[in-house]
Amino acid sequence: MIVVKELWKIYGKGERKVEALKGINVTIKDGEFVAIFGPSGSGKTTLLNCLSGIDSPTNGEIYFDDLPFHTLSEEQKTQFRARHMGFVFQFFNLIPVLTALENVLLPLKILGINHGEAKQRVVAMLERVGLRDKIDRFPSQLSGGEQQRVAIARALVHNPKVVWADEPTGNLDSETGMNVIELLESMKKELGTTLVVVTHDERIAQRADRILFMRDGRITEVREKENLNNES
C-alpha cells in the first residue's frame, strides 16, 4: 500500500515560485490500477515523479507499506526503485545499441542476478508480451508498439511491487495505444502488480479501478470504477 500525506512540490522562490503540487493526500492499494488524469500542467507527472523518488517533494510524507520513503537517502531510494519499481515512459527509453533481450536484462543485471537465470526470465517475459521471435532485434528494427512492449517487459521482469507509466500511449496511434494498455492490465492481473498510469486520454483513464482527477496541482475528484460504469 502507498500512503501519501500532505505532499507539496514547489519550484523556485519569490515571484518565480510555482506550486506544482498542493497538499496531495491519497492511498493506493496493493494490486490496484490507478489513473492520474488531467490536462497538461495539472501536476500529473510531478506527482508520479515524487511518488517514485525520481524527484523529491518539498514537504509531505510518502509510505510504502510501513516504510517512510520520504526519509530515505537518494542512494536508498535508488536501491528501493531498482528492487520494487518498474517504469514505462512515453518515449520508450530503450538503449538503441542493445537488443530487446539486452534491454530487458538491465534491471536483473543491476540486481546482480546470475546471467543464466536472468536470461531465462527475460526470454519468458518477452514471450509473455508477444515478442519471443524478436528478442535479437534492436529498437530501430521494431515498431513503436513493439518498442513499448519491450519497455513493459523491462518494467516487469524483476517482479516489482508497482509499475509507474507516464503517458505510455502518448507516442502511439490510437489502436496500438489501447493494445499497450490492455497488455499492461493483463500483466498487472497476472503478477498482482500495482499499476499507476499518468494520462490525459479519457478512454485509458476509464479502464482504471480508480481515477484521480488533477487540476492546478490538486486532486480535485476521485472516482471509483463502479461509479464510472454507472455513468456510462
C-alpha atoms as a PDB file:
ATOM      1  CA  MET A   1       0.000   0.000   0.000  1.00  0.00           C
ATOM      2  CA  ILE A   2       1.178   3.516  -0.837  1.00  0.00           C
ATOM      3  CA  VAL A   3       0.073   6.289   1.513  1.00  0.00           C
ATOM      4  CA  VAL A   4       0.660   9.955   0.674  1.00  0.00           C
ATOM      5  CA  LYS A   5       0.150  12.723   3.231  1.00  0.00           C
ATOM      6  CA  GLU A   6       0.121  16.471   2.529  1.00  0.00           C
ATOM      7  CA  LEU A   7       2.529  16.287  -0.412  1.00  0.00           C
ATOM      8  CA  TRP A   8       3.799  19.613  -1.753  1.00  0.00           C
ATOM      9  CA  LYS A   9       6.228  20.365  -4.574  1.00  0.00           C
ATOM     10  CA  ILE A  10       7.355  23.957  -5.011  1.00  0.00           C
ATOM     11  CA  TYR A  11       9.756  25.145  -7.695  1.00  0.00           C
ATOM     12  CA  GLY A  12      11.570  28.478  -7.478  1.00  0.00           C
ATOM     13  CA  LYS A  13      11.178  31.276  -4.952  1.00  0.00           C
ATOM     14  CA  GLY A  14       9.522  34.653  -4.614  1.00  0.00           C
ATOM     15  CA  GLU A  15       7.815  35.881  -7.771  1.00  0.00           C
ATOM     16  CA  ARG A  16       9.078  32.817  -9.644  1.00  0.00           C
ATOM     17  CA  LYS A  17       7.601  30.351  -7.149  1.00  0.00           C
ATOM     18  CA  VAL A  18       5.433  27.656  -8.742  1.00  0.00           C
ATOM     19  CA  GLU A  19       3.339  25.332  -6.568  1.00  0.00           C
ATOM     20  CA  ALA A  20       3.273  22.206  -8.726  1.00  0.00           C
ATOM     21  CA  LEU A  21       1.669  20.017  -6.026  1.00  0.00           C
ATOM     22  CA  LYS A  22      -0.559  21.443  -3.300  1.00  0.00           C
ATOM     23  CA  GLY A  23      -1.205  19.198  -0.316  1.00  0.00           C
ATOM     24  CA  ILE A  24      -1.852  15.851  -2.023  1.00  0.00           C
ATOM     25  CA  ASN A  25      -3.414  13.138   0.154  1.00  0.00           C
ATOM     26  CA  VAL A  26      -4.085   9.723  -1.365  1.00  0.00           C
ATOM     27  CA  THR A  27      -3.854   5.994  -0.660  1.00  0.00           C
ATOM     28  CA  ILE A  28      -3.129   3.439  -3.394  1.00  0.00           C
ATOM     29  CA  LYS A  29      -3.972  -0.173  -2.569  1.00  0.00           C
ATOM     30  CA  ASP A  30      -1.820  -3.164  -3.467  1.00  0.00           C
ATOM     31  CA  GLY A  31      -2.707  -4.538  -6.908  1.00  0.00           C
ATOM     32  CA  GLU A  32      -4.814  -1.514  -7.822  1.00  0.00           C
ATOM     33  CA  PHE A  33      -4.866   0.150 -11.260  1.00  0.00           C
ATOM     34  CA  VAL A  34      -4.945   3.906 -10.661  1.00  0.00           C
ATOM     35  CA  ALA A  35      -5.103   6.535 -13.401  1.00  0.00           C
ATOM     36  CA  ILE A  36      -3.844  10.061 -12.720  1.00  0.00           C
ATOM     37  CA  PHE A  37      -5.884  12.101 -15.178  1.00  0.00           C
ATOM     38  CA  GLY A  38      -5.876  15.760 -16.103  1.00  0.00           C
ATOM     39  CA  PRO A  39      -4.771  18.410 -18.594  1.00  0.00           C
ATOM     40  CA  SER A  40      -1.162  19.361 -19.315  1.00  0.00           C
ATOM     41  CA  GLY A  41       0.354  21.312 -16.441  1.00  0.00           C
ATOM     42  CA  SER A  42      -2.003  19.892 -13.820  1.00  0.00           C
ATOM     43  CA  GLY A  43       0.805  18.181 -11.871  1.00  0.00           C
ATOM     44  CA  LYS A  44       0.306  14.579 -13.029  1.00  0.00           C
ATOM     45  CA  THR A  45       3.911  13.815 -13.941  1.00  0.00           C
ATOM     46  CA  THR A  46       5.251  15.790 -10.974  1.00  0.00           C
ATOM     47  CA  LEU A  47       3.142  13.618  -8.667  1.00  0.00           C
ATOM     48  CA  LEU A  48       4.375  10.416 -10.305  1.00  0.00           C
ATOM     49  CA  ASN A  49       7.988  11.598 -10.102  1.00  0.00           C
ATOM     50  CA  CYS A  50       7.663  12.435  -6.407  1.00  0.00           C
ATOM     51  CA  LEU A  51       5.917   9.162  -5.548  1.00  0.00           C
ATOM     52  CA  SER A  52       8.586   7.143  -7.364  1.00  0.00           C
ATOM     53  CA  GLY A  53      11.522   9.097  -5.939  1.00  0.00           C
ATOM     54  CA  ILE A  54      12.682  10.467  -9.292  1.00  0.00           C
ATOM     55  CA  ASP A  55      12.050  13.898  -7.773  1.00  0.00           C
ATOM     56  CA  SER A  56      11.843  14.919  -4.114  1.00  0.00           C
ATOM     57  CA  PRO A  57       8.787  16.670  -2.668  1.00  0.00           C
ATOM     58  CA  THR A  58       9.220  19.988  -0.887  1.00  0.00           C
ATOM     59  CA  ASN A  59       7.050  18.811   2.017  1.00  0.00           C
ATOM     60  CA  GLY A  60       4.915  15.817   2.888  1.00  0.00           C
ATOM     61  CA  GLU A  61       5.162  12.109   3.594  1.00  0.00           C
ATOM     62  CA  ILE A  62       5.181   9.009   1.361  1.00  0.00           C
ATOM     63  CA  TYR A  63       4.898   5.497   2.801  1.00  0.00           C
ATOM     64  CA  PHE A  64       5.322   2.161   1.026  1.00  0.00           C
ATOM     65  CA  ASP A  65       3.605  -0.144   3.491  1.00  0.00           C
ATOM     66  CA  ASP A  66       5.334   0.933   6.733  1.00  0.00           C
ATOM     67  CA  LEU A  67       8.481   2.292   5.064  1.00  0.00           C
ATOM     68  CA  PRO A  68       8.783   6.115   5.245  1.00  0.00           C
ATOM     69  CA  PHE A  69      10.073   6.536   1.686  1.00  0.00           C
ATOM     70  CA  HIS A  70      10.413  10.314   2.060  1.00  0.00           C
ATOM     71  CA  THR A  71      13.089   9.877   4.751  1.00  0.00           C
ATOM     72  CA  LEU A  72      15.420   7.705   2.642  1.00  0.00           C
ATOM     73  CA  SER A  73      18.672   8.997   1.185  1.00  0.00           C
ATOM     74  CA  GLU A  74      18.971   9.276  -2.601  1.00  0.00           C
ATOM     75  CA  GLU A  75      21.078   6.110  -2.655  1.00  0.00           C
ATOM     76  CA  GLN A  76      18.480   4.230  -0.604  1.00  0.00           C
ATOM     77  CA  LYS A  77      15.707   5.464  -2.905  1.00  0.00           C
ATOM     78  CA  THR A  78      17.677   4.276  -5.931  1.00  0.00           C
ATOM     79  CA  GLN A  79      18.091   0.823  -4.386  1.00  0.00           C
ATOM     80  CA  PHE A  80      14.391   0.666  -3.477  1.00  0.00           C
ATOM     81  CA  ARG A  81      13.394   1.664  -7.034  1.00  0.00           C
ATOM     82  CA  ALA A  82      15.657  -0.990  -8.538  1.00  0.00           C
ATOM     83  CA  ARG A  83      14.058  -3.739  -6.456  1.00  0.00           C
ATOM     84  CA  HIS A  84      10.446  -2.704  -6.128  1.00  0.00           C
ATOM     85  CA  MET A  85       9.523  -0.389  -9.033  1.00  0.00           C
ATOM     86  CA  GLY A  86       9.202  -0.586 -12.792  1.00  0.00           C
ATOM     87  CA  PHE A  87       8.839   2.308 -15.225  1.00  0.00           C
ATOM     88  CA  VAL A  88       7.192   2.764 -18.634  1.00  0.00           C
ATOM     89  CA  PHE A  89       7.609   6.104 -20.402  1.00  0.00           C
ATOM     90  CA  GLN A  90       6.073   7.808 -23.415  1.00  0.00           C
ATOM     91  CA  PHE A  91       9.252   7.619 -25.489  1.00  0.00           C
ATOM     92  CA  PHE A  92      10.170   4.005 -24.583  1.00  0.00           C
ATOM     93  CA  ASN A  93      13.684   4.918 -23.264  1.00  0.00           C
ATOM     94  CA  LEU A  94      15.280   1.838 -24.794  1.00  0.00           C
ATOM     95  CA  ILE A  95      19.044   1.814 -25.321  1.00  0.00           C
ATOM     96  CA  PRO A  96      19.459   1.813 -29.127  1.00  0.00           C
ATOM     97  CA  VAL A  97      22.692  -0.233 -29.238  1.00  0.00           C
ATOM     98  CA  LEU A  98      21.163  -3.065 -27.180  1.00  0.00           C
ATOM     99  CA  THR A  99      18.805  -5.755 -28.458  1.00  0.00           C
ATOM    100  CA  ALA A 100      15.353  -6.308 -26.984  1.00  0.00           C
ATOM    101  CA  LEU A 101      16.760  -9.099 -24.835  1.00  0.00           C
ATOM    102  CA  GLU A 102      19.678  -6.958 -23.632  1.00  0.00           C
ATOM    103  CA  ASN A 103      17.388  -4.025 -22.795  1.00  0.00           C
ATOM    104  CA  VAL A 104      15.129  -6.228 -20.674  1.00  0.00           C
ATOM    105  CA  LEU A 105      18.162  -7.794 -18.964  1.00  0.00           C
ATOM    106  CA  LEU A 106      19.224  -4.460 -17.479  1.00  0.00           C
ATOM    107  CA  PRO A 107      17.096  -4.467 -14.276  1.00  0.00           C
ATOM    108  CA  LEU A 108      18.252  -8.001 -13.451  1.00  0.00           C
ATOM    109  CA  LYS A 109      21.901  -7.077 -14.038  1.00  0.00           C
ATOM    110  CA  ILE A 110      21.519  -4.160 -11.642  1.00  0.00           C
ATOM    111  CA  LEU A 111      20.152  -6.582  -9.026  1.00  0.00           C
ATOM    112  CA  GLY A 112      23.116  -8.916  -9.572  1.00  0.00           C
ATOM    113  CA  ILE A 113      21.062 -11.909 -10.704  1.00  0.00           C
ATOM    114  CA  ASN A 114      23.016 -14.761 -12.304  1.00  0.00           C
ATOM    115  CA  HIS A 115      23.200 -14.280 -16.091  1.00  0.00           C
ATOM    116  CA  GLY A 116      21.792 -17.702 -16.940  1.00  0.00           C
ATOM    117  CA  GLU A 117      18.778 -17.301 -14.669  1.00  0.00           C
ATOM    118  CA  ALA A 118      18.318 -13.695 -15.778  1.00  0.00           C
ATOM    119  CA  LYS A 119      18.309 -14.646 -19.463  1.00  0.00           C
ATOM    120  CA  GLN A 120      15.678 -17.338 -18.850  1.00  0.00           C
ATOM    121  CA  ARG A 121      13.450 -14.814 -17.088  1.00  0.00           C
ATOM    122  CA  VAL A 122      13.897 -12.272 -19.885  1.00  0.00           C
ATOM    123  CA  VAL A 123      13.059 -14.740 -22.645  1.00  0.00           C
ATOM    124  CA  ALA A 124       9.961 -15.847 -20.717  1.00  0.00           C
ATOM    125  CA  MET A 125       8.867 -12.232 -20.197  1.00  0.00           C
ATOM    126  CA  LEU A 126       9.380 -11.292 -23.857  1.00  0.00           C
ATOM    127  CA  GLU A 127       7.310 -14.341 -24.780  1.00  0.00           C
ATOM    128  CA  ARG A 128       4.533 -13.125 -22.455  1.00  0.00           C
ATOM    129  CA  VAL A 129       4.430  -9.761 -24.238  1.00  0.00           C
ATOM    130  CA  GLY A 130       4.383 -11.436 -27.667  1.00  0.00           C
ATOM    131  CA  LEU A 131       7.969 -10.751 -28.766  1.00  0.00           C
ATOM    132  CA  ARG A 132       9.658 -14.156 -28.411  1.00  0.00           C
ATOM    133  CA  ASP A 133      10.624 -14.099 -32.095  1.00  0.00           C
ATOM    134  CA  LYS A 134      12.172 -10.609 -31.875  1.00  0.00           C
ATOM    135  CA  ILE A 135      14.476 -10.888 -28.878  1.00  0.00           C
ATOM    136  CA  ASP A 136      17.571 -10.196 -31.001  1.00  0.00           C
ATOM    137  CA  ARG A 137      16.143  -7.117 -32.742  1.00  0.00           C
ATOM    138  CA  PHE A 138      17.423  -3.627 -31.988  1.00  0.00           C
ATOM    139  CA  PRO A 139      14.905  -0.884 -31.139  1.00  0.00           C
ATOM    140  CA  SER A 140      15.286   0.639 -34.615  1.00  0.00           C
ATOM    141  CA  GLN A 141      14.089  -2.674 -36.070  1.00  0.00           C
ATOM    142  CA  LEU A 142      10.873  -2.647 -34.031  1.00  0.00           C
ATOM    143  CA  SER A 143       7.624  -0.724 -34.452  1.00  0.00           C
ATOM    144  CA  GLY A 144       6.535   1.798 -31.820  1.00  0.00           C
ATOM    145  CA  GLY A 145       4.111  -0.678 -30.294  1.00  0.00           C
ATOM    146  CA  GLU A 146       6.793  -3.377 -30.183  1.00  0.00           C
ATOM    147  CA  GLN A 147       9.257  -0.998 -28.531  1.00  0.00           C
ATOM    148  CA  GLN A 148       6.689  -0.192 -25.853  1.00  0.00           C
ATOM    149  CA  ARG A 149       6.154  -3.928 -25.300  1.00  0.00           C
ATOM    150  CA  VAL A 150       9.893  -4.279 -24.721  1.00  0.00           C
ATOM    151  CA  ALA A 151       9.672  -1.402 -22.238  1.00  0.00           C
ATOM    152  CA  ILE A 152       6.788  -3.151 -20.443  1.00  0.00           C
ATOM    153  CA  ALA A 153       8.791  -6.388 -20.284  1.00  0.00           C
ATOM    154  CA  ARG A 154      11.734  -4.453 -18.831  1.00  0.00           C
ATOM    155  CA  ALA A 155       9.454  -2.807 -16.250  1.00  0.00           C
ATOM    156  CA  LEU A 156       8.024  -6.151 -15.079  1.00  0.00           C
ATOM    157  CA  VAL A 157      10.889  -8.643 -15.425  1.00  0.00           C
ATOM    158  CA  HIS A 158      12.066  -8.206 -11.805  1.00  0.00           C
ATOM    159  CA  ASN A 159       8.527  -8.595 -10.370  1.00  0.00           C
ATOM    160  CA  PRO A 160       8.196  -5.070  -8.939  1.00  0.00           C
ATOM    161  CA  LYS A 161       5.552  -4.082  -6.408  1.00  0.00           C
ATOM    162  CA  VAL A 162       4.483  -1.098  -8.500  1.00  0.00           C
ATOM    163  CA  VAL A 163       4.775  -0.005 -12.134  1.00  0.00           C
ATOM    164  CA  TRP A 164       4.671   3.712 -12.935  1.00  0.00           C
ATOM    165  CA  ALA A 165       3.600   4.518 -16.500  1.00  0.00           C
ATOM    166  CA  ASP A 166       3.866   8.141 -17.666  1.00  0.00           C
ATOM    167  CA  GLU A 167       1.724   8.684 -20.799  1.00  0.00           C
ATOM    168  CA  PRO A 168       2.650   5.182 -22.059  1.00  0.00           C
ATOM    169  CA  THR A 169       0.456   5.560 -25.167  1.00  0.00           C
ATOM    170  CA  GLY A 170       1.329   9.179 -25.946  1.00  0.00           C
ATOM    171  CA  ASN A 171       3.705   8.287 -28.781  1.00  0.00           C
ATOM    172  CA  LEU A 172       1.469   5.622 -30.341  1.00  0.00           C
ATOM    173  CA  ASP A 173      -1.556   5.595 -32.623  1.00  0.00           C
ATOM    174  CA  SER A 174      -4.952   5.006 -31.018  1.00  0.00           C
ATOM    175  CA  GLU A 175      -5.273   1.278 -31.741  1.00  0.00           C
ATOM    176  CA  THR A 176      -1.696   0.441 -30.748  1.00  0.00           C
ATOM    177  CA  GLY A 177      -2.085   2.541 -27.611  1.00  0.00           C
ATOM    178  CA  MET A 178      -5.140   0.594 -26.480  1.00  0.00           C
ATOM    179  CA  ASN A 179      -3.305  -2.675 -27.158  1.00  0.00           C
ATOM    180  CA  VAL A 180      -0.476  -1.485 -24.911  1.00  0.00           C
ATOM    181  CA  ILE A 181      -2.883  -0.565 -22.094  1.00  0.00           C
ATOM    182  CA  GLU A 182      -4.627  -3.937 -22.400  1.00  0.00           C
ATOM    183  CA  LEU A 183      -1.222  -5.618 -22.124  1.00  0.00           C
ATOM    184  CA  LEU A 184      -0.347  -3.605 -19.017  1.00  0.00           C
ATOM    185  CA  GLU A 185      -3.721  -4.521 -17.493  1.00  0.00           C
ATOM    186  CA  SER A 186      -3.362  -8.239 -18.197  1.00  0.00           C
ATOM    187  CA  MET A 187       0.203  -8.340 -16.856  1.00  0.00           C
ATOM    188  CA  LYS A 188      -0.887  -6.432 -13.737  1.00  0.00           C
ATOM    189  CA  LYS A 189      -3.607  -9.009 -13.066  1.00  0.00           C
ATOM    190  CA  GLU A 190      -1.282 -11.929 -13.755  1.00  0.00           C
ATOM    191  CA  LEU A 191       1.525 -10.671 -11.498  1.00  0.00           C
ATOM    192  CA  GLY A 192      -0.522  -8.795  -8.884  1.00  0.00           C
ATOM    193  CA  THR A 193       1.420  -5.594  -9.518  1.00  0.00           C
ATOM    194  CA  THR A 194       0.133  -2.147  -8.585  1.00  0.00           C
ATOM    195  CA  LEU A 195      -0.212  -0.025 -11.742  1.00  0.00           C
ATOM    196  CA  VAL A 196      -0.234   3.784 -11.730  1.00  0.00           C
ATOM    197  CA  VAL A 197      -0.760   5.429 -15.125  1.00  0.00           C
ATOM    198  CA  VAL A 198      -0.490   9.137 -15.907  1.00  0.00           C
ATOM    199  CA  THR A 199      -2.697  10.019 -18.878  1.00  0.00           C
ATOM    200  CA  HIS A 200      -4.719  12.781 -20.494  1.00  0.00           C
ATOM    201  CA  ASP A 201      -6.646  10.172 -22.538  1.00  0.00           C
ATOM    202  CA  GLU A 202     -10.115   9.658 -21.058  1.00  0.00           C
ATOM    203  CA  ARG A 203     -10.539   6.218 -22.677  1.00  0.00           C
ATOM    204  CA  ILE A 204      -7.462   4.955 -20.860  1.00  0.00           C
ATOM    205  CA  ALA A 205      -8.417   6.560 -17.551  1.00  0.00           C
ATOM    206  CA  GLN A 206     -11.830   4.876 -17.645  1.00  0.00           C
ATOM    207  CA  ARG A 207     -10.195   1.432 -17.664  1.00  0.00           C
ATOM    208  CA  ALA A 208      -8.669   2.040 -14.220  1.00  0.00           C
ATOM    209  CA  ASP A 209     -10.036   0.837 -10.884  1.00  0.00           C
ATOM    210  CA  ARG A 210      -9.864   4.441  -9.721  1.00  0.00           C
ATOM    211  CA  ILE A 211      -9.245   7.819 -11.358  1.00  0.00           C
ATOM    212  CA  LEU A 212      -7.527  10.695  -9.591  1.00  0.00           C
ATOM    213  CA  PHE A 213      -8.587  13.874 -11.383  1.00  0.00           C
ATOM    214  CA  MET A 214      -5.918  16.584 -11.152  1.00  0.00           C
ATOM    215  CA  ARG A 215      -6.003  20.294 -11.843  1.00  0.00           C
ATOM    216  CA  ASP A 216      -3.622  23.057 -10.750  1.00  0.00           C
ATOM    217  CA  GLY A 217      -1.577  20.765  -8.521  1.00  0.00           C
ATOM    218  CA  ARG A 218      -4.513  19.311  -6.591  1.00  0.00           C
ATOM    219  CA  ILE A 219      -6.583  16.134  -6.727  1.00  0.00           C
ATOM    220  CA  THR A 220      -9.994  17.651  -7.393  1.00  0.00           C
ATOM    221  CA  GLU A 221     -12.019  14.427  -7.606  1.00  0.00           C
ATOM    222  CA  VAL A 222     -11.628  10.677  -7.107  1.00  0.00           C
ATOM    223  CA  ARG A 223     -13.861   8.250  -8.990  1.00  0.00           C
ATOM    224  CA  GLU A 224     -14.171   4.505  -8.436  1.00  0.00           C
ATOM    225  CA  LYS A 225     -14.759   2.096 -11.313  1.00  0.00           C
ATOM    226  CA  GLU A 226     -18.281   1.293 -10.106  1.00  0.00           C
ATOM    227  CA  ASN A 227     -19.248   4.951 -10.404  1.00  0.00           C
ATOM    228  CA  LEU A 228     -17.701   5.171 -13.857  1.00  0.00           C
ATOM    229  CA  ASN A 229     -19.731   2.179 -15.016  1.00  0.00           C
ATOM    230  CA  ASN A 230     -22.932   3.717 -13.648  1.00  0.00           C
ATOM    231  CA  GLU A 231     -22.298   6.953 -15.543  1.00  0.00           C
ATOM    232  CA  SER A 232     -21.573   5.253 -18.871  1.00  0.00           C
END
